[in-house]
Amino acid sequence: MSYTIKDVAKKANVSIATVSRILNGQGGYSEKTKFKVLKVIEELGYQPNAVARGLINKRTHTIGVLFPKLSSSLVTDLLDGIEKAANDNGSSVIVCHTESNGEKTMKYLQLLIEKRVDGIIFASEILKDEYYQFVTKTRMPMILLSTESYAYQVPFVKVNDLHAAYTAAKHLIDKGHTEIGMISGNKDDIIAGIPRIEGFMKALSDHNIPLGSKNIVFSRGFTFPYGVEGLKSLVKQFPDVTAIFAASDEMAIGALSAAYQMGIKVPDEISVIGYDNLNLAEMSIPPLTTVGQPLSKMGEAAAEMLFSILETGETPESRIMPHKIIERMSVKERT
């Protein structure tokens, strides 16, 4: 049997308002009354309804997070940080899988509004006008994670992708490589595609390394299969390549797999550097050198920014998180 606040009030012989004040930490009652009510709550096993409490204190202590792809290891690390911050702030997390589908995204936004979540974290996807306008009308606070908007002033947490990609290419250059290729994501992706391509190209240009159409293979996404196909295509169009920057760790590991299938030794014949520093990176053979994003800390920072808005009502400044090269065994110095 599920008990209500009315049942608690009746058994404790107090008003519903008194039970509500005790549950929400408000004053207006004695310690004796508080003890009596809490004892009844324990005896009945009463669980306060979050939405009902939210009607009183205007908080449900839940936040919504929208991800385009839940199977990604990157999502796991981001979510780890989000949940840590949520737990520290006495809140829970509702995770929504949008599949980068506009209609599905709008349905989830509608659901989160109906659930009266306290705020939304919108992750790893372009913030379209229809999403922004819908959330803005509700006045619900929103933080962007691992993405940013050029059109709207929404606070974000991310790494500078152009600088990070530049760092990856420069690492290969510093190791003596001059025949360098890139397995890219979607060349039209303004969040992770274009900036990483531009960072790679700028590094080669700044160091007077020849750069042409042969140097880059464009893919439709950032997952393992694109890395497999990307390496095969890159080796075919650029036979002299000695080092490869893959625009994600999943793609880099796909490239390692393809290299093994083709009898190409990594790093003896081709060096490979990835991007993200997922847990998978240190499990690959050979362990993957990569550009590290502090993914868990990014998720934690985004959630903390959201809770800061809820507490202060002030919009926080966006945060660019630091990146660094994580050296393992997939890049070899060229002599």
C-alpha atoms as a PDB file:
ATOM      1  CA  MET A   1       0.000   0.000   0.000  1.00  0.00           C
ATOM      2  CA  SER A   2       1.241   3.463  -0.901  1.00  0.00           C
ATOM      3  CA  TYR A   3       0.714   6.052   1.843  1.00  0.00           C
ATOM      4  CA  THR A   4       0.137   9.753   1.228  1.00  0.00           C
ATOM      5  CA  ILE A   5       1.004  12.902   3.149  1.00  0.00           C
ATOM      6  CA  LYS A   6      -2.615  12.904   4.301  1.00  0.00           C
ATOM      7  CA  ASP A   7      -2.102   9.499   5.964  1.00  0.00           C
ATOM      8  CA  VAL A   8       1.013  10.773   7.727  1.00  0.00           C
ATOM      9  CA  ALA A   9      -0.802  13.865   9.018  1.00  0.00           C
ATOM     10  CA  LYS A  10      -3.764  11.818  10.270  1.00  0.00           C
ATOM     11  CA  LYS A  11      -1.673   9.270  12.165  1.00  0.00           C
ATOM     12  CA  ALA A  12       0.591  11.950  13.664  1.00  0.00           C
ATOM     13  CA  ASN A  13      -2.464  14.047  14.539  1.00  0.00           C
ATOM     14  CA  VAL A  14      -1.095  17.168  12.837  1.00  0.00           C
ATOM     15  CA  SER A  15      -2.092  19.170   9.786  1.00  0.00           C
ATOM     16  CA  ILE A  16      -0.911  18.371   6.245  1.00  0.00           C
ATOM     17  CA  ALA A  17       0.765  21.799   6.222  1.00  0.00           C
ATOM     18  CA  THR A  18       2.852  20.840   9.279  1.00  0.00           C
ATOM     19  CA  VAL A  19       4.029  17.609   7.614  1.00  0.00           C
ATOM     20  CA  SER A  20       4.899  19.592   4.477  1.00  0.00           C
ATOM     21  CA  ARG A  21       6.912  22.162   6.465  1.00  0.00           C
ATOM     22  CA  ILE A  22       8.852  19.408   8.203  1.00  0.00           C
ATOM     23  CA  LEU A  23       9.588  17.628   4.910  1.00  0.00           C
ATOM     24  CA  ASN A  24      10.850  20.863   3.350  1.00  0.00           C
ATOM     25  CA  GLY A  25      12.892  22.024   6.334  1.00  0.00           C
ATOM     26  CA  GLN A  26      10.699  25.039   7.074  1.00  0.00           C
ATOM     27  CA  GLY A  27       9.925  26.356  10.561  1.00  0.00           C
ATOM     28  CA  GLY A  28       6.735  26.664  12.570  1.00  0.00           C
ATOM     29  CA  TYR A  29       6.764  23.472  14.639  1.00  0.00           C
ATOM     30  CA  SER A  30       8.351  22.100  17.794  1.00  0.00           C
ATOM     31  CA  GLU A  31      11.094  19.482  17.964  1.00  0.00           C
ATOM     32  CA  LYS A  32       8.582  17.179  19.651  1.00  0.00           C
ATOM     33  CA  THR A  33       6.204  17.496  16.690  1.00  0.00           C
ATOM     34  CA  LYS A  34       9.053  16.968  14.246  1.00  0.00           C
ATOM     35  CA  PHE A  35      10.136  13.809  16.042  1.00  0.00           C
ATOM     36  CA  LYS A  36       6.555  12.479  16.066  1.00  0.00           C
ATOM     37  CA  VAL A  37       6.028  13.150  12.334  1.00  0.00           C
ATOM     38  CA  LEU A  38       9.365  11.632  11.308  1.00  0.00           C
ATOM     39  CA  LYS A  39       8.593   8.545  13.379  1.00  0.00           C
ATOM     40  CA  VAL A  40       5.246   8.111  11.571  1.00  0.00           C
ATOM     41  CA  ILE A  41       6.944   8.606   8.197  1.00  0.00           C
ATOM     42  CA  GLU A  42       9.380   5.833   9.096  1.00  0.00           C
ATOM     43  CA  GLU A  43       6.621   3.512  10.347  1.00  0.00           C
ATOM     44  CA  LEU A  44       4.514   3.975   7.205  1.00  0.00           C
ATOM     45  CA  GLY A  45       7.482   3.907   4.841  1.00  0.00           C
ATOM     46  CA  TYR A  46       6.143   7.117   3.299  1.00  0.00           C
ATOM     47  CA  GLN A  47       8.054   8.388   0.235  1.00  0.00           C
ATOM     48  CA  PRO A  48       7.390  12.072  -0.511  1.00  0.00           C
ATOM     49  CA  ASN A  49       6.436  12.672  -4.135  1.00  0.00           C
ATOM     50  CA  ALA A  50       9.165  14.735  -5.792  1.00  0.00           C
ATOM     51  CA  VAL A  51       6.781  16.581  -8.079  1.00  0.00           C
ATOM     52  CA  ALA A  52       4.415  17.380  -5.202  1.00  0.00           C
ATOM     53  CA  ARG A  53       7.312  18.731  -3.173  1.00  0.00           C
ATOM     54  CA  GLY A  54       8.401  20.700  -6.208  1.00  0.00           C
ATOM     55  CA  LEU A  55       5.051  22.499  -6.256  1.00  0.00           C
ATOM     56  CA  ILE A  56       5.849  23.770  -2.784  1.00  0.00           C
ATOM     57  CA  ASN A  57       9.564  24.616  -2.996  1.00  0.00           C
ATOM     58  CA  LYS A  58       9.719  25.083  -6.782  1.00  0.00           C
ATOM     59  CA  ARG A  59      12.451  22.450  -7.025  1.00  0.00           C
ATOM     60  CA  THR A  60      12.197  18.763  -7.931  1.00  0.00           C
ATOM     61  CA  HIS A  61      15.911  18.103  -7.388  1.00  0.00           C
ATOM     62  CA  THR A  62      16.228  16.475 -10.786  1.00  0.00           C
ATOM     63  CA  ILE A  63      18.123  17.632 -13.872  1.00  0.00           C
ATOM     64  CA  GLY A  64      17.752  16.443 -17.445  1.00  0.00           C
ATOM     65  CA  VAL A  65      20.665  15.547 -19.723  1.00  0.00           C
ATOM     66  CA  LEU A  66      20.321  15.082 -23.478  1.00  0.00           C
ATOM     67  CA  PHE A  67      22.920  13.007 -25.350  1.00  0.00           C
ATOM     68  CA  PRO A  68      22.873  12.173 -29.069  1.00  0.00           C
ATOM     69  CA  LYS A  69      24.425   8.719 -28.589  1.00  0.00           C
ATOM     70  CA  LEU A  70      24.379   6.706 -25.361  1.00  0.00           C
ATOM     71  CA  SER A  71      26.636   3.890 -26.594  1.00  0.00           C
ATOM     72  CA  SER A  72      29.621   6.233 -26.850  1.00  0.00           C
ATOM     73  CA  SER A  73      32.352   5.830 -24.235  1.00  0.00           C
ATOM     74  CA  LEU A  74      32.660   9.616 -24.216  1.00  0.00           C
ATOM     75  CA  VAL A  75      29.113   9.855 -22.855  1.00  0.00           C
ATOM     76  CA  THR A  76      29.924   7.464 -20.009  1.00  0.00           C
ATOM     77  CA  ASP A  77      32.759   9.688 -18.809  1.00  0.00           C
ATOM     78  CA  LEU A  78      30.775  12.929 -19.138  1.00  0.00           C
ATOM     79  CA  LEU A  79      27.837  11.382 -17.288  1.00  0.00           C
ATOM     80  CA  ASP A  80      30.098  10.185 -14.490  1.00  0.00           C
ATOM     81  CA  GLY A  81      30.983  13.802 -13.707  1.00  0.00           C
ATOM     82  CA  ILE A  82      27.398  15.026 -14.058  1.00  0.00           C
ATOM     83  CA  GLU A  83      26.096  12.407 -11.634  1.00  0.00           C
ATOM     84  CA  LYS A  84      28.845  13.160  -9.118  1.00  0.00           C
ATOM     85  CA  ALA A  85      27.885  16.835  -9.013  1.00  0.00           C
ATOM     86  CA  ALA A  86      24.172  16.008  -8.944  1.00  0.00           C
ATOM     87  CA  ASN A  87      24.647  13.622  -6.024  1.00  0.00           C
ATOM     88  CA  ASP A  88      26.726  16.215  -4.151  1.00  0.00           C
ATOM     89  CA  ASN A  89      23.855  18.672  -4.616  1.00  0.00           C
ATOM     90  CA  GLY A  90      21.132  16.243  -3.542  1.00  0.00           C
ATOM     91  CA  SER A  91      19.718  15.804  -7.031  1.00  0.00           C
ATOM     92  CA  SER A  92      19.048  13.004  -9.508  1.00  0.00           C
ATOM     93  CA  VAL A  93      19.665  12.795 -13.260  1.00  0.00           C
ATOM     94  CA  ILE A  94      17.261  11.924 -16.077  1.00  0.00           C
ATOM     95  CA  VAL A  95      19.202  10.882 -19.209  1.00  0.00           C
ATOM     96  CA  CYS A  96      17.618  11.223 -22.658  1.00  0.00           C
ATOM     97  CA  HIS A  97      18.917   9.606 -25.866  1.00  0.00           C
ATOM     98  CA  THR A  98      18.101  11.893 -28.787  1.00  0.00           C
ATOM     99  CA  GLU A  99      19.929  10.038 -31.599  1.00  0.00           C
ATOM    100  CA  SER A 100      20.519  13.520 -33.089  1.00  0.00           C
ATOM    101  CA  ASN A 101      16.892  13.339 -34.210  1.00  0.00           C
ATOM    102  CA  GLY A 102      15.128  16.698 -34.098  1.00  0.00           C
ATOM    103  CA  GLU A 103      11.647  15.318 -33.484  1.00  0.00           C
ATOM    104  CA  LYS A 104      12.884  13.012 -30.725  1.00  0.00           C
ATOM    105  CA  THR A 105      14.878  15.834 -29.145  1.00  0.00           C
ATOM    106  CA  MET A 106      11.793  18.064 -29.025  1.00  0.00           C
ATOM    107  CA  LYS A 107       9.756  15.253 -27.435  1.00  0.00           C
ATOM    108  CA  TYR A 108      12.392  14.789 -24.742  1.00  0.00           C
ATOM    109  CA  LEU A 109      12.556  18.523 -24.072  1.00  0.00           C
ATOM    110  CA  GLN A 110       8.778  18.531 -23.692  1.00  0.00           C
ATOM    111  CA  LEU A 111       9.009  15.542 -21.325  1.00  0.00           C
ATOM    112  CA  LEU A 112      11.660  17.214 -19.171  1.00  0.00           C
ATOM    113  CA  ILE A 113       9.560  20.365 -18.916  1.00  0.00           C
ATOM    114  CA  GLU A 114       6.513  18.296 -17.908  1.00  0.00           C
ATOM    115  CA  LYS A 115       8.620  16.480 -15.302  1.00  0.00           C
ATOM    116  CA  ARG A 116       9.521  19.912 -13.907  1.00  0.00           C
ATOM    117  CA  VAL A 117      13.264  19.224 -13.902  1.00  0.00           C
ATOM    118  CA  ASP A 118      15.274  22.053 -12.375  1.00  0.00           C
ATOM    119  CA  GLY A 119      17.508  22.492 -15.408  1.00  0.00           C
ATOM    120  CA  ILE A 120      18.905  20.920 -18.562  1.00  0.00           C
ATOM    121  CA  ILE A 121      22.363  19.940 -19.781  1.00  0.00           C
ATOM    122  CA  PHE A 122      22.477  19.727 -23.570  1.00  0.00           C
ATOM    123  CA  ALA A 123      25.511  17.694 -24.626  1.00  0.00           C
ATOM    124  CA  SER A 124      27.622  16.961 -27.715  1.00  0.00           C
ATOM    125  CA  GLU A 125      25.170  18.300 -30.275  1.00  0.00           C
ATOM    126  CA  ILE A 126      24.332  21.516 -32.125  1.00  0.00           C
ATOM    127  CA  LEU A 127      21.782  23.663 -30.293  1.00  0.00           C
ATOM    128  CA  LYS A 128      19.176  24.276 -32.991  1.00  0.00           C
ATOM    129  CA  ASP A 129      16.924  27.315 -32.990  1.00  0.00           C
ATOM    130  CA  GLU A 130      13.794  25.287 -32.217  1.00  0.00           C
ATOM    131  CA  TYR A 131      15.441  23.726 -29.141  1.00  0.00           C
ATOM    132  CA  TYR A 132      16.669  27.072 -27.870  1.00  0.00           C
ATOM    133  CA  GLN A 133      13.366  28.873 -28.385  1.00  0.00           C
ATOM    134  CA  PHE A 134      11.393  26.092 -26.684  1.00  0.00           C
ATOM    135  CA  VAL A 135      13.586  25.983 -23.575  1.00  0.00           C
ATOM    136  CA  THR A 136      13.902  29.776 -23.375  1.00  0.00           C
ATOM    137  CA  LYS A 137      10.114  30.217 -23.275  1.00  0.00           C
ATOM    138  CA  THR A 138       9.978  28.032 -20.156  1.00  0.00           C
ATOM    139  CA  ARG A 139      12.773  30.048 -18.495  1.00  0.00           C
ATOM    140  CA  MET A 140      14.455  26.791 -17.579  1.00  0.00           C
ATOM    141  CA  PRO A 141      18.232  27.141 -17.091  1.00  0.00           C
ATOM    142  CA  MET A 142      20.393  25.285 -19.609  1.00  0.00           C
ATOM    143  CA  ILE A 143      24.107  24.507 -19.922  1.00  0.00           C
ATOM    144  CA  LEU A 144      25.852  23.235 -23.048  1.00  0.00           C
ATOM    145  CA  LEU A 145      28.416  20.447 -22.581  1.00  0.00           C
ATOM    146  CA  SER A 146      31.081  19.484 -25.125  1.00  0.00           C
ATOM    147  CA  THR A 147      29.382  21.843 -27.560  1.00  0.00           C
ATOM    148  CA  GLU A 148      28.716  25.557 -27.894  1.00  0.00           C
ATOM    149  CA  SER A 149      26.365  27.899 -29.707  1.00  0.00           C
ATOM    150  CA  TYR A 150      27.551  30.741 -31.895  1.00  0.00           C
ATOM    151  CA  ALA A 151      23.998  32.048 -32.289  1.00  0.00           C
ATOM    152  CA  TYR A 152      22.865  32.108 -28.650  1.00  0.00           C
ATOM    153  CA  GLN A 153      24.475  33.192 -25.396  1.00  0.00           C
ATOM    154  CA  VAL A 154      24.143  29.876 -23.569  1.00  0.00           C
ATOM    155  CA  PRO A 155      26.908  29.004 -21.063  1.00  0.00           C
ATOM    156  CA  PHE A 156      29.051  26.053 -22.150  1.00  0.00           C
ATOM    157  CA  VAL A 157      31.808  23.731 -20.972  1.00  0.00           C
ATOM    158  CA  LYS A 158      34.180  22.315 -23.568  1.00  0.00           C
ATOM    159  CA  VAL A 159      37.741  21.979 -24.770  1.00  0.00           C
ATOM    160  CA  ASN A 160      39.005  24.285 -27.533  1.00  0.00           C
ATOM    161  CA  ASP A 161      38.843  21.729 -30.349  1.00  0.00           C
ATOM    162  CA  LEU A 162      40.955  23.728 -32.789  1.00  0.00           C
ATOM    163  CA  HIS A 163      43.776  24.165 -30.281  1.00  0.00           C
ATOM    164  CA  ALA A 164      43.566  20.527 -29.170  1.00  0.00           C
ATOM    165  CA  ALA A 165      43.741  19.224 -32.752  1.00  0.00           C
ATOM    166  CA  TYR A 166      46.676  21.550 -33.409  1.00  0.00           C
ATOM    167  CA  THR A 167      48.404  20.062 -30.350  1.00  0.00           C
ATOM    168  CA  ALA A 168      47.841  16.521 -31.681  1.00  0.00           C
ATOM    169  CA  ALA A 169      49.317  17.296 -35.103  1.00  0.00           C
ATOM    170  CA  LYS A 170      52.228  19.208 -33.560  1.00  0.00           C
ATOM    171  CA  HIS A 171      53.009  16.193 -31.370  1.00  0.00           C
ATOM    172  CA  LEU A 172      53.467  14.106 -34.525  1.00  0.00           C
ATOM    173  CA  ILE A 173      55.587  16.862 -36.073  1.00  0.00           C
ATOM    174  CA  ASP A 174      57.738  17.077 -32.934  1.00  0.00           C
ATOM    175  CA  LYS A 175      58.336  13.329 -33.279  1.00  0.00           C
ATOM    176  CA  GLY A 176      59.894  13.944 -36.682  1.00  0.00           C
ATOM    177  CA  HIS A 177      56.950  13.113 -38.955  1.00  0.00           C
ATOM    178  CA  THR A 178      56.330  15.127 -42.111  1.00  0.00           C
ATOM    179  CA  GLU A 179      54.009  12.757 -44.017  1.00  0.00           C
ATOM    180  CA  ILE A 180      50.992  13.213 -41.795  1.00  0.00           C
ATOM    181  CA  GLY A 181      47.360  12.325 -42.490  1.00  0.00           C
ATOM    182  CA  MET A 182      44.077  12.838 -40.693  1.00  0.00           C
ATOM    183  CA  ILE A 183      40.980  10.668 -40.352  1.00  0.00           C
ATOM    184  CA  SER A 184      38.323  13.305 -39.787  1.00  0.00           C
ATOM    185  CA  GLY A 185      34.722  13.289 -38.684  1.00  0.00           C
ATOM    186  CA  ASN A 186      31.990  15.081 -40.601  1.00  0.00           C
ATOM    187  CA  LYS A 187      33.514  18.079 -42.413  1.00  0.00           C
ATOM    188  CA  ASP A 188      30.236  20.008 -41.998  1.00  0.00           C
ATOM    189  CA  ASP A 189      30.061  19.469 -38.226  1.00  0.00           C
ATOM    190  CA  ILE A 190      30.703  22.924 -36.739  1.00  0.00           C
ATOM    191  CA  ILE A 191      31.226  21.528 -33.231  1.00  0.00           C
ATOM    192  CA  ALA A 192      33.877  18.798 -33.585  1.00  0.00           C
ATOM    193  CA  GLY A 193      34.363  18.402 -37.338  1.00  0.00           C
ATOM    194  CA  ILE A 194      35.449  21.782 -38.701  1.00  0.00           C
ATOM    195  CA  PRO A 195      37.517  22.975 -35.681  1.00  0.00           C
ATOM    196  CA  ARG A 196      39.583  19.764 -35.534  1.00  0.00           C
ATOM    197  CA  ILE A 197      40.196  19.844 -39.278  1.00  0.00           C
ATOM    198  CA  GLU A 198      41.267  23.481 -39.066  1.00  0.00           C
ATOM    199  CA  GLY A 199      43.562  22.786 -36.110  1.00  0.00           C
ATOM    200  CA  PHE A 200      45.242  19.940 -37.995  1.00  0.00           C
ATOM    201  CA  MET A 201      45.686  22.024 -41.143  1.00  0.00           C
ATOM    202  CA  LYS A 202      47.030  25.018 -39.244  1.00  0.00           C
ATOM    203  CA  ALA A 203      49.674  22.918 -37.477  1.00  0.00           C
ATOM    204  CA  LEU A 204      50.951  21.548 -40.785  1.00  0.00           C
ATOM    205  CA  SER A 205      50.867  24.992 -42.392  1.00  0.00           C
ATOM    206  CA  ASP A 206      52.711  26.649 -39.487  1.00  0.00           C
ATOM    207  CA  HIS A 207      55.480  24.060 -39.796  1.00  0.00           C
ATOM    208  CA  ASN A 208      55.752  24.253 -43.605  1.00  0.00           C
ATOM    209  CA  ILE A 209      54.570  20.698 -44.148  1.00  0.00           C
ATOM    210  CA  PRO A 210      52.930  20.053 -47.549  1.00  0.00           C
ATOM    211  CA  LEU A 211      49.154  19.773 -47.259  1.00  0.00           C
ATOM    212  CA  GLY A 212      46.723  18.687 -49.951  1.00  0.00           C
ATOM    213  CA  SER A 213      43.547  16.693 -50.494  1.00  0.00           C
ATOM    214  CA  LYS A 214      45.470  13.447 -49.982  1.00  0.00           C
ATOM    215  CA  ASN A 215      46.170  14.318 -46.334  1.00  0.00           C
ATOM    216  CA  ILE A 216      42.593  14.099 -45.026  1.00  0.00           C
ATOM    217  CA  VAL A 217      39.889  11.461 -45.206  1.00  0.00           C
ATOM    218  CA  PHE A 218      36.418  12.763 -44.317  1.00  0.00           C
ATOM    219  CA  SER A 219      33.934  10.514 -42.521  1.00  0.00           C
ATOM    220  CA  ARG A 220      30.284  10.887 -41.536  1.00  0.00           C
ATOM    221  CA  GLY A 221      30.883  10.336 -37.828  1.00  0.00           C
ATOM    222  CA  PHE A 222      33.429   9.638 -35.105  1.00  0.00           C
ATOM    223  CA  THR A 223      32.905   5.938 -34.331  1.00  0.00           C
ATOM    224  CA  PHE A 224      35.011   2.786 -34.698  1.00  0.00           C
ATOM    225  CA  PRO A 225      33.799   1.741 -38.203  1.00  0.00           C
ATOM    226  CA  TYR A 226      34.735   5.145 -39.639  1.00  0.00           C
ATOM    227  CA  GLY A 227      38.246   4.666 -38.264  1.00  0.00           C
ATOM    228  CA  VAL A 228      38.532   1.269 -39.948  1.00  0.00           C
ATOM    229  CA  GLU A 229      37.418   2.598 -43.320  1.00  0.00           C
ATOM    230  CA  GLY A 230      39.325   5.834 -42.823  1.00  0.00           C
ATOM    231  CA  LEU A 231      42.700   4.140 -42.448  1.00  0.00           C
ATOM    232  CA  LYS A 232      42.124   1.991 -45.505  1.00  0.00           C
ATOM    233  CA  SER A 233      41.181   5.036 -47.585  1.00  0.00           C
ATOM    234  CA  LEU A 234      44.035   7.175 -46.254  1.00  0.00           C
ATOM    235  CA  VAL A 235      46.704   4.567 -46.973  1.00  0.00           C
ATOM    236  CA  LYS A 236      45.300   4.153 -50.469  1.00  0.00           C
ATOM    237  CA  GLN A 237      45.334   7.874 -51.310  1.00  0.00           C
ATOM    238  CA  PHE A 238      48.476   8.708 -49.326  1.00  0.00           C
ATOM    239  CA  PRO A 239      50.825   5.672 -49.509  1.00  0.00           C
ATOM    240  CA  ASP A 240      53.753   7.563 -47.948  1.00  0.00           C
ATOM    241  CA  VAL A 241      51.869   8.472 -44.763  1.00  0.00           C
ATOM    242  CA  THR A 242      53.851   7.734 -41.567  1.00  0.00           C
ATOM    243  CA  ALA A 243      51.610   9.292 -38.929  1.00  0.00           C
ATOM    244  CA  ILE A 244      47.856   9.731 -38.514  1.00  0.00           C
ATOM    245  CA  PHE A 245      45.708  11.992 -36.362  1.00  0.00           C
ATOM    246  CA  ALA A 246      42.270  10.454 -35.816  1.00  0.00           C
ATOM    247  CA  ALA A 247      39.564  12.899 -34.708  1.00  0.00           C
ATOM    248  CA  SER A 248      38.353  10.604 -31.890  1.00  0.00           C
ATOM    249  CA  ASP A 249      39.695   7.698 -29.873  1.00  0.00           C
ATOM    250  CA  GLU A 250      37.043   5.361 -31.277  1.00  0.00           C
ATOM    251  CA  MET A 251      38.205   6.226 -34.801  1.00  0.00           C
ATOM    252  CA  ALA A 252      41.845   5.830 -33.760  1.00  0.00           C
ATOM    253  CA  ILE A 253      41.157   2.355 -32.366  1.00  0.00           C
ATOM    254  CA  GLY A 254      39.326   1.541 -35.595  1.00  0.00           C
ATOM    255  CA  ALA A 255      42.473   2.614 -37.438  1.00  0.00           C
ATOM    256  CA  LEU A 256      44.597   0.342 -35.225  1.00  0.00           C
ATOM    257  CA  SER A 257      42.275  -2.561 -36.051  1.00  0.00           C
ATOM    258  CA  ALA A 258      42.463  -1.869 -39.784  1.00  0.00           C
ATOM    259  CA  ALA A 259      46.238  -1.585 -39.615  1.00  0.00           C
ATOM    260  CA  TYR A 260      46.414  -5.009 -37.972  1.00  0.00           C
ATOM    261  CA  GLN A 261      44.172  -6.495 -40.679  1.00  0.00           C
ATOM    262  CA  MET A 262      46.393  -4.973 -43.380  1.00  0.00           C
ATOM    263  CA  GLY A 263      49.646  -6.143 -41.814  1.00  0.00           C
ATOM    264  CA  ILE A 264      50.774  -2.593 -40.993  1.00  0.00           C
ATOM    265  CA  LYS A 265      52.753  -2.354 -37.776  1.00  0.00           C
ATOM    266  CA  VAL A 266      51.833   0.405 -35.313  1.00  0.00           C
ATOM    267  CA  PRO A 267      53.900   2.384 -34.421  1.00  0.00           C
ATOM    268  CA  ASP A 268      56.850   0.977 -36.406  1.00  0.00           C
ATOM    269  CA  GLU A 269      55.338   1.716 -39.816  1.00  0.00           C
ATOM    270  CA  ILE A 270      52.533   4.127 -38.959  1.00  0.00           C
ATOM    271  CA  SER A 271      52.042   6.195 -35.801  1.00  0.00           C
ATOM    272  CA  VAL A 272      48.500   6.943 -34.610  1.00  0.00           C
ATOM    273  CA  ILE A 273      47.256   9.610 -32.205  1.00  0.00           C
ATOM    274  CA  GLY A 274      43.633   9.894 -31.066  1.00  0.00           C
ATOM    275  CA  TYR A 275      41.427  12.466 -29.389  1.00  0.00           C
ATOM    276  CA  ASP A 276      39.428  12.206 -26.107  1.00  0.00           C
ATOM    277  CA  ASN A 277      41.435   9.902 -23.805  1.00  0.00           C
ATOM    278  CA  LEU A 278      38.609   7.442 -23.280  1.00  0.00           C
ATOM    279  CA  ASN A 279      39.183   4.476 -20.972  1.00  0.00           C
ATOM    280  CA  LEU A 280      39.422   2.356 -24.128  1.00  0.00           C
ATOM    281  CA  ALA A 281      42.576   4.208 -25.157  1.00  0.00           C
ATOM    282  CA  GLU A 282      44.762   2.470 -22.590  1.00  0.00           C
ATOM    283  CA  MET A 283      43.179  -0.921 -23.390  1.00  0.00           C
ATOM    284  CA  SER A 284      44.016  -0.915 -27.102  1.00  0.00           C
ATOM    285  CA  ILE A 285      46.996  -2.710 -28.627  1.00  0.00           C
ATOM    286  CA  PRO A 286      49.260  -0.830 -28.654  1.00  0.00           C
ATOM    287  CA  PRO A 287      47.957   1.533 -25.954  1.00  0.00           C
ATOM    288  CA  LEU A 288      46.834   4.709 -27.693  1.00  0.00           C
ATOM    289  CA  THR A 289      48.581   8.062 -27.496  1.00  0.00           C
ATOM    290  CA  THR A 290      45.832  10.675 -27.489  1.00  0.00           C
ATOM    291  CA  VAL A 291      44.731  14.216 -26.726  1.00  0.00           C
ATOM    292  CA  GLY A 292      43.120  14.083 -23.308  1.00  0.00           C
ATOM    293  CA  GLN A 293      39.868  15.871 -22.602  1.00  0.00           C
ATOM    294  CA  PRO A 294      39.013  15.934 -18.873  1.00  0.00           C
ATOM    295  CA  LEU A 295      35.613  14.440 -19.666  1.00  0.00           C
ATOM    296  CA  SER A 296      34.465  13.615 -16.134  1.00  0.00           C
ATOM    297  CA  LYS A 297      35.545  17.035 -14.867  1.00  0.00           C
ATOM    298  CA  MET A 298      33.760  18.645 -17.819  1.00  0.00           C
ATOM    299  CA  GLY A 299      30.523  16.897 -16.879  1.00  0.00           C
ATOM    300  CA  GLU A 300      30.968  17.851 -13.244  1.00  0.00           C
ATOM    301  CA  ALA A 301      31.666  21.482 -14.151  1.00  0.00           C
ATOM    302  CA  ALA A 302      28.564  21.690 -16.365  1.00  0.00           C
ATOM    303  CA  ALA A 303      26.333  20.349 -13.599  1.00  0.00           C
ATOM    304  CA  GLU A 304      27.902  22.655 -10.987  1.00  0.00           C
ATOM    305  CA  MET A 305      27.245  25.617 -13.292  1.00  0.00           C
ATOM    306  CA  LEU A 306      23.606  24.563 -13.547  1.00  0.00           C
ATOM    307  CA  PHE A 307      23.249  24.318  -9.766  1.00  0.00           C
ATOM    308  CA  SER A 308      24.928  27.724  -9.432  1.00  0.00           C
ATOM    309  CA  ILE A 309      22.216  29.261 -11.634  1.00  0.00           C
ATOM    310  CA  LEU A 310      19.545  27.607  -9.503  1.00  0.00           C
ATOM    311  CA  GLU A 311      21.059  28.961  -6.298  1.00  0.00           C
ATOM    312  CA  THR A 312      22.033  32.479  -7.397  1.00  0.00           C
ATOM    313  CA  GLY A 313      19.921  33.209 -10.471  1.00  0.00           C
ATOM    314  CA  GLU A 314      23.059  34.512 -12.181  1.00  0.00           C
ATOM    315  CA  THR A 315      24.404  33.232 -15.504  1.00  0.00           C
ATOM    316  CA  PRO A 316      27.929  31.795 -15.078  1.00  0.00           C
ATOM    317  CA  GLU A 317      30.792  32.344 -17.501  1.00  0.00           C
ATOM    318  CA  SER A 318      31.500  29.615 -20.044  1.00  0.00           C
ATOM    319  CA  ARG A 319      34.506  27.406 -19.351  1.00  0.00           C
ATOM    320  CA  ILE A 320      37.200  26.194 -21.725  1.00  0.00           C
ATOM    321  CA  MET A 321      38.762  23.143 -20.101  1.00  0.00           C
ATOM    322  CA  PRO A 322      42.445  22.220 -20.509  1.00  0.00           C
ATOM    323  CA  HIS A 323      43.656  19.496 -22.853  1.00  0.00           C
ATOM    324  CA  LYS A 324      46.958  17.622 -22.856  1.00  0.00           C
ATOM    325  CA  ILE A 325      48.822  14.906 -24.734  1.00  0.00           C
ATOM    326  CA  ILE A 326      48.635  11.516 -23.055  1.00  0.00           C
ATOM    327  CA  GLU A 327      51.661   9.595 -24.318  1.00  0.00           C
ATOM    328  CA  ARG A 328      51.375   5.844 -24.605  1.00  0.00           C
ATOM    329  CA  MET A 329      52.785   3.513 -27.282  1.00  0.00           C
ATOM    330  CA  SER A 330      51.087   4.229 -30.611  1.00  0.00           C
ATOM    331  CA  VAL A 331      53.403   7.049 -31.706  1.00  0.00           C
ATOM    332  CA  LYS A 332      57.038   6.480 -32.566  1.00  0.00           C
ATOM    333  CA  GLU A 333      59.762   9.047 -33.103  1.00  0.00           C
ATOM    334  CA  ARG A 334      60.910   9.116 -36.722  1.00  0.00           C
ATOM    335  CA  THR A 335      64.679   9.230 -37.164  1.00  0.00           C
END
